[in-house]
């Protein structure tokens, strides 16, 4: 284990390295992120959080797609659940938008934002092809590999079914109406707008009151091709919304894209990712809470050739 990467209300994320002779990892350094979830926290949070955690583990373990976060191992200790996933040293798209706002006074350029939208679109289309709606697509849930490519993460709100983040939720979800895969394309439109502008497309303080009277404030300087995709994604009626990868691919904005090469990560990402993102190598002290975990984790990561089922709270 190298050091603590971050922590949230229900988990901590550690930067870990596989022992010599074992997993090399997608970054070639054998470095991963280990998400540690105390069982006591989930028990206290209730059944819905337990189901969300199990759902996330199952979805992460089911797919191997370049633009979806990959799960390599899952196992448990007496009091902890562990997910070993890709380490994305670039952080989230949210972080990069904030860097752009701070350093340049604006969001991303149109070419850069459109590239990320294409990669995320490929990722969510792959989920949809397997009957899964993400339902919580937002800047914070799109991580950046060291290569500059995207990885959609956080599948705890996904549906096959905990609802997502209101500011990114499609009108039909906010109005408690039936919905389908189109809600993810709405969220991608919100994400696209926010990458460009550095703020959300709607200004209303309460999201459920913004829907019909409020309209996005598009920048008149954006190219017509960009505006066309944005307006198509942010159609409030799902029947008229851009809601498939095929439709996105036919947009003029993507006329020059080779989608097969893009999905194979053979198209270099646009410049702009913060070059300060690196693979940390120094060790930092851990709390006593992790001392017993170190040896068990060391055995687990080198002895599992596949994914361990979680016998939850056994």
C-alpha atoms as a PDB file:
ATOM      1  CA  UNK A   1       0.000   0.000   0.000  1.00  0.00           C
ATOM      2  CA  UNK A   2       1.262   3.445  -0.887  1.00  0.00           C
ATOM      3  CA  UNK A   3      -1.050   6.000   0.649  1.00  0.00           C
ATOM      4  CA  UNK A   4      -4.573   7.285   1.163  1.00  0.00           C
ATOM      5  CA  UNK A   5      -6.040   8.773  -2.019  1.00  0.00           C
ATOM      6  CA  UNK A   6      -9.276  10.103  -0.545  1.00  0.00           C
ATOM      7  CA  UNK A   7     -12.319   9.313   1.521  1.00  0.00           C
ATOM      8  CA  UNK A   8     -16.059   9.856   1.459  1.00  0.00           C
ATOM      9  CA  UNK A   9     -18.919   9.278   3.824  1.00  0.00           C
ATOM     10  CA  UNK A  10     -18.899   5.497   3.466  1.00  0.00           C
ATOM     11  CA  UNK A  11     -15.475   4.528   2.143  1.00  0.00           C
ATOM     12  CA  UNK A  12     -11.780   5.260   1.842  1.00  0.00           C
ATOM     13  CA  UNK A  13      -9.663   4.825  -1.264  1.00  0.00           C
ATOM     14  CA  UNK A  14      -6.068   3.642  -1.000  1.00  0.00           C
ATOM     15  CA  UNK A  15      -3.373   3.682  -3.639  1.00  0.00           C
ATOM     16  CA  UNK A  16      -1.924   0.166  -3.760  1.00  0.00           C
ATOM     17  CA  UNK A  17       0.734  -1.667  -5.751  1.00  0.00           C
ATOM     18  CA  UNK A  18       0.664  -5.339  -6.728  1.00  0.00           C
ATOM     19  CA  UNK A  19       3.586  -7.409  -5.524  1.00  0.00           C
ATOM     20  CA  UNK A  20       6.382  -8.139  -7.984  1.00  0.00           C
ATOM     21  CA  UNK A  21       5.571 -10.843 -10.505  1.00  0.00           C
ATOM     22  CA  UNK A  22       1.831 -10.298 -10.313  1.00  0.00           C
ATOM     23  CA  UNK A  23      -0.679  -7.910 -11.881  1.00  0.00           C
ATOM     24  CA  UNK A  24       0.958  -5.197 -13.976  1.00  0.00           C
ATOM     25  CA  UNK A  25      -2.184  -3.095 -14.384  1.00  0.00           C
ATOM     26  CA  UNK A  26      -3.315  -0.979 -17.330  1.00  0.00           C
ATOM     27  CA  UNK A  27      -0.794   1.715 -16.432  1.00  0.00           C
ATOM     28  CA  UNK A  28       2.111  -0.733 -16.551  1.00  0.00           C
ATOM     29  CA  UNK A  29       3.080   0.109 -12.988  1.00  0.00           C
ATOM     30  CA  UNK A  30       0.972  -2.440 -11.109  1.00  0.00           C
ATOM     31  CA  UNK A  31      -0.795   0.446  -9.369  1.00  0.00           C
ATOM     32  CA  UNK A  32      -4.482   0.270  -8.425  1.00  0.00           C
ATOM     33  CA  UNK A  33      -7.074   2.001  -6.296  1.00  0.00           C
ATOM     34  CA  UNK A  34      -8.553  -0.022  -3.444  1.00  0.00           C
ATOM     35  CA  UNK A  35     -11.938   1.162  -2.219  1.00  0.00           C
ATOM     36  CA  UNK A  36     -12.412   0.131   1.405  1.00  0.00           C
ATOM     37  CA  UNK A  37     -16.013   0.036   2.648  1.00  0.00           C
ATOM     38  CA  UNK A  38     -16.596  -0.693   6.356  1.00  0.00           C
ATOM     39  CA  UNK A  39     -19.567  -3.022   6.730  1.00  0.00           C
ATOM     40  CA  UNK A  40     -20.710  -1.151   9.830  1.00  0.00           C
ATOM     41  CA  UNK A  41     -21.171   2.024   7.758  1.00  0.00           C
ATOM     42  CA  UNK A  42     -23.388   0.235   5.258  1.00  0.00           C
ATOM     43  CA  UNK A  43     -25.425  -1.444   7.974  1.00  0.00           C
ATOM     44  CA  UNK A  44     -26.098   1.897   9.622  1.00  0.00           C
ATOM     45  CA  UNK A  45     -27.007   3.508   6.294  1.00  0.00           C
ATOM     46  CA  UNK A  46     -29.714   0.980   5.562  1.00  0.00           C
ATOM     47  CA  UNK A  47     -30.734  -1.622   3.026  1.00  0.00           C
ATOM     48  CA  UNK A  48     -30.740   0.731   0.028  1.00  0.00           C
ATOM     49  CA  UNK A  49     -27.037   1.548   0.466  1.00  0.00           C
ATOM     50  CA  UNK A  50     -26.191  -2.121   0.851  1.00  0.00           C
ATOM     51  CA  UNK A  51     -28.013  -2.892  -2.397  1.00  0.00           C
ATOM     52  CA  UNK A  52     -26.286   0.021  -4.145  1.00  0.00           C
ATOM     53  CA  UNK A  53     -22.856  -1.228  -3.072  1.00  0.00           C
ATOM     54  CA  UNK A  54     -23.585  -4.751  -4.249  1.00  0.00           C
ATOM     55  CA  UNK A  55     -24.963  -3.393  -7.515  1.00  0.00           C
ATOM     56  CA  UNK A  56     -21.828  -1.335  -8.124  1.00  0.00           C
ATOM     57  CA  UNK A  57     -19.613  -4.335  -7.503  1.00  0.00           C
ATOM     58  CA  UNK A  58     -21.629  -6.525  -9.859  1.00  0.00           C
ATOM     59  CA  UNK A  59     -21.644  -3.978 -12.697  1.00  0.00           C
ATOM     60  CA  UNK A  60     -17.955  -3.160 -12.321  1.00  0.00           C
ATOM     61  CA  UNK A  61     -17.126  -6.841 -12.475  1.00  0.00           C
ATOM     62  CA  UNK A  62     -19.334  -7.569 -15.454  1.00  0.00           C
ATOM     63  CA  UNK A  63     -17.773  -5.283 -18.056  1.00  0.00           C
ATOM     64  CA  UNK A  64     -14.401  -4.744 -19.626  1.00  0.00           C
ATOM     65  CA  UNK A  65     -14.721  -1.597 -21.707  1.00  0.00           C
ATOM     66  CA  UNK A  66     -12.077   1.097 -22.260  1.00  0.00           C
ATOM     67  CA  UNK A  67     -14.357   3.901 -21.031  1.00  0.00           C
ATOM     68  CA  UNK A  68     -15.832   2.153 -18.000  1.00  0.00           C
ATOM     69  CA  UNK A  69     -13.892   1.835 -14.751  1.00  0.00           C
ATOM     70  CA  UNK A  70     -12.539  -1.709 -14.494  1.00  0.00           C
ATOM     71  CA  UNK A  71     -12.758  -3.952 -11.455  1.00  0.00           C
ATOM     72  CA  UNK A  72      -9.837  -6.383 -10.968  1.00  0.00           C
ATOM     73  CA  UNK A  73     -10.632  -7.904  -7.580  1.00  0.00           C
ATOM     74  CA  UNK A  74     -13.249  -7.849  -4.867  1.00  0.00           C
ATOM     75  CA  UNK A  75     -12.927  -9.535  -1.510  1.00  0.00           C
ATOM     76  CA  UNK A  76     -13.852  -9.005   2.088  1.00  0.00           C
ATOM     77  CA  UNK A  77     -12.519  -9.104   5.601  1.00  0.00           C
ATOM     78  CA  UNK A  78     -14.595  -9.567   8.711  1.00  0.00           C
ATOM     79  CA  UNK A  79     -15.460  -5.876   8.893  1.00  0.00           C
ATOM     80  CA  UNK A  80     -14.596  -4.487   5.434  1.00  0.00           C
ATOM     81  CA  UNK A  81     -15.491  -4.887   1.778  1.00  0.00           C
ATOM     82  CA  UNK A  82     -12.795  -4.201  -0.799  1.00  0.00           C
ATOM     83  CA  UNK A  83     -12.949  -3.227  -4.473  1.00  0.00           C
ATOM     84  CA  UNK A  84      -9.670  -3.092  -6.425  1.00  0.00           C
ATOM     85  CA  UNK A  85     -10.155  -0.946  -9.525  1.00  0.00           C
ATOM     86  CA  UNK A  86      -8.228   1.139 -12.053  1.00  0.00           C
ATOM     87  CA  UNK A  87      -6.248   3.955 -10.497  1.00  0.00           C
ATOM     88  CA  UNK A  88      -7.014   7.148 -12.428  1.00  0.00           C
ATOM     89  CA  UNK A  89      -4.357   9.703 -11.439  1.00  0.00           C
ATOM     90  CA  UNK A  90      -5.981  12.449 -13.496  1.00  0.00           C
ATOM     91  CA  UNK A  91      -8.842  12.731 -11.026  1.00  0.00           C
ATOM     92  CA  UNK A  92     -12.350  13.592 -12.215  1.00  0.00           C
ATOM     93  CA  UNK A  93     -13.583  15.771 -15.057  1.00  0.00           C
ATOM     94  CA  UNK A  94     -15.004  18.020 -12.351  1.00  0.00           C
ATOM     95  CA  UNK A  95     -11.457  18.683 -11.148  1.00  0.00           C
ATOM     96  CA  UNK A  96     -10.260  19.555 -14.651  1.00  0.00           C
ATOM     97  CA  UNK A  97     -13.168  21.902 -15.335  1.00  0.00           C
ATOM     98  CA  UNK A  98     -12.352  23.730 -12.098  1.00  0.00           C
ATOM     99  CA  UNK A  99      -8.676  23.945 -13.106  1.00  0.00           C
ATOM    100  CA  UNK A 100      -9.695  25.414 -16.460  1.00  0.00           C
ATOM    101  CA  UNK A 101     -11.975  27.955 -14.783  1.00  0.00           C
ATOM    102  CA  UNK A 102      -9.265  28.961 -12.326  1.00  0.00           C
ATOM    103  CA  UNK A 103      -6.422  29.203 -14.818  1.00  0.00           C
ATOM    104  CA  UNK A 104      -8.197  30.302 -18.015  1.00  0.00           C
ATOM    105  CA  UNK A 105     -11.413  31.842 -16.716  1.00  0.00           C
ATOM    106  CA  UNK A 106     -13.555  29.501 -18.830  1.00  0.00           C
ATOM    107  CA  UNK A 107     -14.478  25.887 -19.393  1.00  0.00           C
ATOM    108  CA  UNK A 108     -13.003  23.511 -21.964  1.00  0.00           C
ATOM    109  CA  UNK A 109     -12.620  24.285 -25.639  1.00  0.00           C
ATOM    110  CA  UNK A 110     -15.262  22.720 -27.869  1.00  0.00           C
ATOM    111  CA  UNK A 111     -12.976  20.088 -29.430  1.00  0.00           C
ATOM    112  CA  UNK A 112     -11.787  18.878 -26.029  1.00  0.00           C
ATOM    113  CA  UNK A 113     -15.291  18.682 -24.551  1.00  0.00           C
ATOM    114  CA  UNK A 114     -16.659  16.952 -27.657  1.00  0.00           C
ATOM    115  CA  UNK A 115     -13.916  14.307 -27.435  1.00  0.00           C
ATOM    116  CA  UNK A 116     -14.838  13.463 -23.833  1.00  0.00           C
ATOM    117  CA  UNK A 117     -18.535  13.358 -24.742  1.00  0.00           C
ATOM    118  CA  UNK A 118     -17.742  10.827 -27.484  1.00  0.00           C
ATOM    119  CA  UNK A 119     -15.779   8.560 -25.122  1.00  0.00           C
ATOM    120  CA  UNK A 120     -18.441   8.785 -22.399  1.00  0.00           C
ATOM    121  CA  UNK A 121     -21.105   8.145 -25.033  1.00  0.00           C
ATOM    122  CA  UNK A 122     -19.341   4.933 -26.049  1.00  0.00           C
ATOM    123  CA  UNK A 123     -19.206   3.869 -22.398  1.00  0.00           C
ATOM    124  CA  UNK A 124     -22.869   4.472 -21.633  1.00  0.00           C
ATOM    125  CA  UNK A 125     -23.934   2.944 -24.949  1.00  0.00           C
ATOM    126  CA  UNK A 126     -22.108  -0.226 -23.873  1.00  0.00           C
ATOM    127  CA  UNK A 127     -24.066  -0.200 -20.601  1.00  0.00           C
ATOM    128  CA  UNK A 128     -27.309   0.337 -22.486  1.00  0.00           C
ATOM    129  CA  UNK A 129     -26.579  -2.580 -24.806  1.00  0.00           C
ATOM    130  CA  UNK A 130     -26.644  -4.757 -21.689  1.00  0.00           C
ATOM    131  CA  UNK A 131     -29.860  -3.265 -20.352  1.00  0.00           C
ATOM    132  CA  UNK A 132     -28.277  -0.945 -17.776  1.00  0.00           C
ATOM    133  CA  UNK A 133     -29.108   2.728 -17.203  1.00  0.00           C
ATOM    134  CA  UNK A 134     -26.362   4.583 -15.299  1.00  0.00           C
ATOM    135  CA  UNK A 135     -28.721   7.232 -13.789  1.00  0.00           C
ATOM    136  CA  UNK A 136     -25.995   9.276 -12.067  1.00  0.00           C
ATOM    137  CA  UNK A 137     -23.776  10.501 -14.883  1.00  0.00           C
ATOM    138  CA  UNK A 138     -21.992  13.735 -13.888  1.00  0.00           C
ATOM    139  CA  UNK A 139     -18.537  15.334 -14.010  1.00  0.00           C
ATOM    140  CA  UNK A 140     -17.558  13.882 -10.630  1.00  0.00           C
ATOM    141  CA  UNK A 141     -18.274  10.353 -11.873  1.00  0.00           C
ATOM    142  CA  UNK A 142     -16.020  10.526 -14.941  1.00  0.00           C
ATOM    143  CA  UNK A 143     -12.388   9.794 -14.071  1.00  0.00           C
ATOM    144  CA  UNK A 144      -9.258  10.426 -16.097  1.00  0.00           C
ATOM    145  CA  UNK A 145      -6.603   7.819 -16.832  1.00  0.00           C
ATOM    146  CA  UNK A 146      -2.960   8.896 -17.029  1.00  0.00           C
ATOM    147  CA  UNK A 147      -3.326   8.494 -20.803  1.00  0.00           C
ATOM    148  CA  UNK A 148      -5.964  11.240 -20.876  1.00  0.00           C
ATOM    149  CA  UNK A 149      -8.850   8.899 -21.718  1.00  0.00           C
ATOM    150  CA  UNK A 150     -12.082   8.783 -19.691  1.00  0.00           C
ATOM    151  CA  UNK A 151     -13.527   6.134 -17.392  1.00  0.00           C
ATOM    152  CA  UNK A 152     -17.166   6.310 -16.272  1.00  0.00           C
ATOM    153  CA  UNK A 153     -17.481   5.247 -12.637  1.00  0.00           C
ATOM    154  CA  UNK A 154     -19.910   5.051  -9.700  1.00  0.00           C
ATOM    155  CA  UNK A 155     -22.581   2.567 -10.706  1.00  0.00           C
ATOM    156  CA  UNK A 156     -24.398   2.460  -7.360  1.00  0.00           C
ATOM    157  CA  UNK A 157     -27.448   4.232  -8.806  1.00  0.00           C
ATOM    158  CA  UNK A 158     -27.597   2.142 -11.971  1.00  0.00           C
ATOM    159  CA  UNK A 159     -30.776   0.406 -12.934  1.00  0.00           C
ATOM    160  CA  UNK A 160     -31.582  -3.134 -14.189  1.00  0.00           C
ATOM    161  CA  UNK A 161     -32.406  -0.131 -10.728  1.00  0.00           C
ATOM    162  CA  UNK A 162     -31.418   5.033  -5.449  1.00  0.00           C
ATOM    163  CA  UNK A 163     -31.761   7.866  -7.841  1.00  0.00           C
ATOM    164  CA  UNK A 164     -29.034  10.140  -9.194  1.00  0.00           C
ATOM    165  CA  UNK A 165     -28.025  13.760  -8.761  1.00  0.00           C
ATOM    166  CA  UNK A 166     -30.974  16.185  -9.284  1.00  0.00           C
ATOM    167  CA  UNK A 167     -29.037  18.782 -11.314  1.00  0.00           C
ATOM    168  CA  UNK A 168     -28.241  16.113 -13.934  1.00  0.00           C
ATOM    169  CA  UNK A 169     -31.573  14.292 -13.817  1.00  0.00           C
ATOM    170  CA  UNK A 170     -33.832  14.286 -16.857  1.00  0.00           C
ATOM    171  CA  UNK A 171     -37.270  15.920 -16.562  1.00  0.00           C
ATOM    172  CA  UNK A 172     -39.088  12.599 -16.696  1.00  0.00           C
ATOM    173  CA  UNK A 173     -37.117  11.367 -13.674  1.00  0.00           C
ATOM    174  CA  UNK A 174     -37.771  14.540 -11.683  1.00  0.00           C
ATOM    175  CA  UNK A 175     -41.461  14.291 -12.527  1.00  0.00           C
ATOM    176  CA  UNK A 176     -41.529  10.615 -11.439  1.00  0.00           C
ATOM    177  CA  UNK A 177     -42.610   9.509 -14.907  1.00  0.00           C
ATOM    178  CA  UNK A 178     -41.551   6.306 -16.669  1.00  0.00           C
ATOM    179  CA  UNK A 179     -38.105   6.633 -18.216  1.00  0.00           C
ATOM    180  CA  UNK A 180     -35.539   4.723 -20.223  1.00  0.00           C
ATOM    181  CA  UNK A 181     -31.989   5.014 -21.577  1.00  0.00           C
ATOM    182  CA  UNK A 182     -32.707   8.566 -22.754  1.00  0.00           C
ATOM    183  CA  UNK A 183     -32.102   9.870 -19.210  1.00  0.00           C
ATOM    184  CA  UNK A 184     -28.380   9.119 -19.551  1.00  0.00           C
ATOM    185  CA  UNK A 185     -28.183  11.104 -22.793  1.00  0.00           C
ATOM    186  CA  UNK A 186     -29.846  14.063 -21.070  1.00  0.00           C
ATOM    187  CA  UNK A 187     -27.227  13.825 -18.313  1.00  0.00           C
ATOM    188  CA  UNK A 188     -24.487  13.684 -20.946  1.00  0.00           C
ATOM    189  CA  UNK A 189     -25.910  16.872 -22.457  1.00  0.00           C
ATOM    190  CA  UNK A 190     -25.782  18.574 -19.042  1.00  0.00           C
ATOM    191  CA  UNK A 191     -22.225  17.327 -18.643  1.00  0.00           C
ATOM    192  CA  UNK A 192     -21.272  18.615 -22.133  1.00  0.00           C
ATOM    193  CA  UNK A 193     -22.723  22.064 -21.406  1.00  0.00           C
ATOM    194  CA  UNK A 194     -20.995  22.218 -18.014  1.00  0.00           C
ATOM    195  CA  UNK A 195     -17.605  21.283 -19.474  1.00  0.00           C
ATOM    196  CA  UNK A 196     -17.932  24.139 -21.980  1.00  0.00           C
ATOM    197  CA  UNK A 197     -19.428  26.807 -19.756  1.00  0.00           C
ATOM    198  CA  UNK A 198     -18.115  25.874 -16.312  1.00  0.00           C
ATOM    199  CA  UNK A 199     -21.613  25.886 -14.850  1.00  0.00           C
ATOM    200  CA  UNK A 200     -24.866  23.968 -15.161  1.00  0.00           C
ATOM    201  CA  UNK A 201     -27.239  24.815 -18.038  1.00  0.00           C
ATOM    202  CA  UNK A 202     -30.167  25.724 -15.775  1.00  0.00           C
ATOM    203  CA  UNK A 203     -30.138  28.516 -13.192  1.00  0.00           C
ATOM    204  CA  UNK A 204     -33.176  27.639 -11.085  1.00  0.00           C
ATOM    205  CA  UNK A 205     -32.395  27.094  -7.398  1.00  0.00           C
ATOM    206  CA  UNK A 206     -34.717  24.077  -7.185  1.00  0.00           C
ATOM    207  CA  UNK A 207     -34.177  21.607 -10.000  1.00  0.00           C
ATOM    208  CA  UNK A 208     -37.737  20.302 -10.059  1.00  0.00           C
ATOM    209  CA  UNK A 209     -39.028  23.862 -10.699  1.00  0.00           C
ATOM    210  CA  UNK A 210     -36.575  24.676 -13.470  1.00  0.00           C
ATOM    211  CA  UNK A 211     -37.855  22.247 -16.041  1.00  0.00           C
ATOM    212  CA  UNK A 212     -40.455  23.839 -18.257  1.00  0.00           C
ATOM    213  CA  UNK A 213     -40.036  27.635 -17.871  1.00  0.00           C
ATOM    214  CA  UNK A 214     -36.231  27.549 -17.818  1.00  0.00           C
ATOM    215  CA  UNK A 215     -34.035  27.195 -20.910  1.00  0.00           C
ATOM    216  CA  UNK A 216     -30.273  26.635 -21.188  1.00  0.00           C
ATOM    217  CA  UNK A 217     -28.248  29.786 -21.831  1.00  0.00           C
ATOM    218  CA  UNK A 218     -26.211  28.692 -24.823  1.00  0.00           C
ATOM    219  CA  UNK A 219     -23.114  30.667 -25.722  1.00  0.00           C
ATOM    220  CA  UNK A 220     -23.639  32.396 -29.088  1.00  0.00           C
ATOM    221  CA  UNK A 221     -19.927  31.920 -29.849  1.00  0.00           C
ATOM    222  CA  UNK A 222     -20.208  28.131 -29.857  1.00  0.00           C
ATOM    223  CA  UNK A 223     -20.042  26.488 -33.265  1.00  0.00           C
ATOM    224  CA  UNK A 224     -23.378  25.522 -34.868  1.00  0.00           C
ATOM    225  CA  UNK A 225     -22.311  21.845 -34.786  1.00  0.00           C
ATOM    226  CA  UNK A 226     -21.760  22.040 -31.020  1.00  0.00           C
ATOM    227  CA  UNK A 227     -25.063  23.826 -30.433  1.00  0.00           C
ATOM    228  CA  UNK A 228     -26.873  21.230 -32.527  1.00  0.00           C
ATOM    229  CA  UNK A 229     -25.667  18.362 -30.329  1.00  0.00           C
ATOM    230  CA  UNK A 230     -26.358  20.257 -27.114  1.00  0.00           C
ATOM    231  CA  UNK A 231     -29.893  21.209 -28.139  1.00  0.00           C
ATOM    232  CA  UNK A 232     -30.569  17.635 -29.263  1.00  0.00           C
ATOM    233  CA  UNK A 233     -29.403  16.169 -25.955  1.00  0.00           C
ATOM    234  CA  UNK A 234     -31.225  18.731 -23.803  1.00  0.00           C
ATOM    235  CA  UNK A 235     -34.651  18.171 -25.326  1.00  0.00           C
ATOM    236  CA  UNK A 236     -37.009  18.001 -22.364  1.00  0.00           C
ATOM    237  CA  UNK A 237     -39.288  15.513 -24.090  1.00  0.00           C
ATOM    238  CA  UNK A 238     -37.482  12.155 -24.329  1.00  0.00           C
ATOM    239  CA  UNK A 239     -39.225  11.299 -27.602  1.00  0.00           C
ATOM    240  CA  UNK A 240     -37.384  14.156 -29.379  1.00  0.00           C
ATOM    241  CA  UNK A 241     -34.067  13.842 -27.510  1.00  0.00           C
ATOM    242  CA  UNK A 242     -30.789  12.563 -28.967  1.00  0.00           C
ATOM    243  CA  UNK A 243     -30.680   9.216 -27.208  1.00  0.00           C
ATOM    244  CA  UNK A 244     -28.396   6.818 -29.039  1.00  0.00           C
ATOM    245  CA  UNK A 245     -24.761   6.493 -30.035  1.00  0.00           C
ATOM    246  CA  UNK A 246     -25.827   6.049 -33.660  1.00  0.00           C
ATOM    247  CA  UNK A 247     -27.557   9.439 -33.651  1.00  0.00           C
ATOM    248  CA  UNK A 248     -24.593  11.081 -31.952  1.00  0.00           C
ATOM    249  CA  UNK A 249     -22.245   9.572 -34.526  1.00  0.00           C
ATOM    250  CA  UNK A 250     -24.282  11.081 -37.358  1.00  0.00           C
ATOM    251  CA  UNK A 251     -24.043  14.601 -35.908  1.00  0.00           C
ATOM    252  CA  UNK A 252     -21.941  17.066 -37.929  1.00  0.00           C
ATOM    253  CA  UNK A 253     -19.797  17.654 -34.852  1.00  0.00           C
ATOM    254  CA  UNK A 254     -18.460  14.108 -35.223  1.00  0.00           C
ATOM    255  CA  UNK A 255     -18.270  13.919 -39.024  1.00  0.00           C
ATOM    256  CA  UNK A 256     -14.502  13.377 -38.945  1.00  0.00           C
ATOM    257  CA  UNK A 257     -14.503  10.786 -36.126  1.00  0.00           C
ATOM    258  CA  UNK A 258     -13.422   7.200 -36.654  1.00  0.00           C
ATOM    259  CA  UNK A 259     -15.492   5.594 -33.899  1.00  0.00           C
ATOM    260  CA  UNK A 260     -13.777   2.212 -34.119  1.00  0.00           C
ATOM    261  CA  UNK A 261     -10.375   3.852 -33.559  1.00  0.00           C
ATOM    262  CA  UNK A 262     -11.816   5.965 -30.759  1.00  0.00           C
ATOM    263  CA  UNK A 263     -13.175   2.927 -28.931  1.00  0.00           C
ATOM    264  CA  UNK A 264      -9.797   1.203 -29.351  1.00  0.00           C
ATOM    265  CA  UNK A 265      -8.113   4.265 -27.751  1.00  0.00           C
ATOM    266  CA  UNK A 266      -6.144   4.824 -30.956  1.00  0.00           C
ATOM    267  CA  UNK A 267      -7.097   8.502 -31.161  1.00  0.00           C
ATOM    268  CA  UNK A 268      -4.934  10.650 -28.860  1.00  0.00           C
ATOM    269  CA  UNK A 269      -6.870  12.727 -26.321  1.00  0.00           C
ATOM    270  CA  UNK A 270      -6.824  16.483 -26.903  1.00  0.00           C
ATOM    271  CA  UNK A 271      -4.259  18.542 -25.002  1.00  0.00           C
ATOM    272  CA  UNK A 272      -5.366  20.110 -21.787  1.00  0.00           C
ATOM    273  CA  UNK A 273      -5.326  17.405 -19.100  1.00  0.00           C
ATOM    274  CA  UNK A 274      -3.479  18.651 -16.040  1.00  0.00           C
ATOM    275  CA  UNK A 275       0.070  17.351 -16.384  1.00  0.00           C
ATOM    276  CA  UNK A 276       0.554  17.437 -12.626  1.00  0.00           C
ATOM    277  CA  UNK A 277      -1.311  14.141 -12.326  1.00  0.00           C
ATOM    278  CA  UNK A 278       1.306  11.501 -11.602  1.00  0.00           C
ATOM    279  CA  UNK A 279       1.634   8.099 -10.008  1.00  0.00           C
ATOM    280  CA  UNK A 280       2.633   8.689  -6.382  1.00  0.00           C
ATOM    281  CA  UNK A 281       5.330   6.352  -5.136  1.00  0.00           C
ATOM    282  CA  UNK A 282       6.065   7.553  -1.611  1.00  0.00           C
ATOM    283  CA  UNK A 283       4.599   5.762   1.364  1.00  0.00           C
ATOM    284  CA  UNK A 284       2.527   7.646   3.889  1.00  0.00           C
ATOM    285  CA  UNK A 285       1.435   6.568   7.368  1.00  0.00           C
ATOM    286  CA  UNK A 286      -1.870   4.808   7.839  1.00  0.00           C
ATOM    287  CA  UNK A 287      -4.142   4.842  10.828  1.00  0.00           C
ATOM    288  CA  UNK A 288      -4.226   1.780  13.059  1.00  0.00           C
ATOM    289  CA  UNK A 289      -7.483   0.911  11.342  1.00  0.00           C
ATOM    290  CA  UNK A 290      -5.509  -0.346   8.309  1.00  0.00           C
ATOM    291  CA  UNK A 291      -2.630  -2.167  10.000  1.00  0.00           C
ATOM    292  CA  UNK A 292      -4.331  -5.561  10.052  1.00  0.00           C
ATOM    293  CA  UNK A 293      -5.607  -5.024   6.523  1.00  0.00           C
ATOM    294  CA  UNK A 294      -2.137  -4.787   5.009  1.00  0.00           C
ATOM    295  CA  UNK A 295      -1.176  -8.465   5.146  1.00  0.00           C
ATOM    296  CA  UNK A 296      -4.594  -9.790   4.204  1.00  0.00           C
ATOM    297  CA  UNK A 297      -4.741  -7.464   1.226  1.00  0.00           C
ATOM    298  CA  UNK A 298      -1.223  -8.455   0.198  1.00  0.00           C
ATOM    299  CA  UNK A 299      -2.270 -12.087   0.001  1.00  0.00           C
ATOM    300  CA  UNK A 300      -5.564 -11.356  -1.705  1.00  0.00           C
ATOM    301  CA  UNK A 301      -4.280  -9.284  -4.579  1.00  0.00           C
ATOM    302  CA  UNK A 302      -1.704 -11.849  -5.644  1.00  0.00           C
ATOM    303  CA  UNK A 303      -3.744 -15.001  -5.101  1.00  0.00           C
ATOM    304  CA  UNK A 304      -7.030 -14.183  -6.843  1.00  0.00           C
ATOM    305  CA  UNK A 305      -7.175 -14.917 -10.544  1.00  0.00           C
ATOM    306  CA  UNK A 306     -10.776 -13.719 -10.801  1.00  0.00           C
ATOM    307  CA  UNK A 307     -13.459 -11.957  -8.824  1.00  0.00           C
ATOM    308  CA  UNK A 308     -14.481 -13.228  -5.405  1.00  0.00           C
ATOM    309  CA  UNK A 309     -18.181 -13.140  -4.668  1.00  0.00           C
ATOM    310  CA  UNK A 310     -18.968 -11.141  -1.578  1.00  0.00           C
ATOM    311  CA  UNK A 311     -20.753 -13.307   0.946  1.00  0.00           C
ATOM    312  CA  UNK A 312     -22.167 -10.141   2.408  1.00  0.00           C
ATOM    313  CA  UNK A 313     -21.893  -9.819   6.179  1.00  0.00           C
ATOM    314  CA  UNK A 314     -21.115 -13.523   6.560  1.00  0.00           C
END
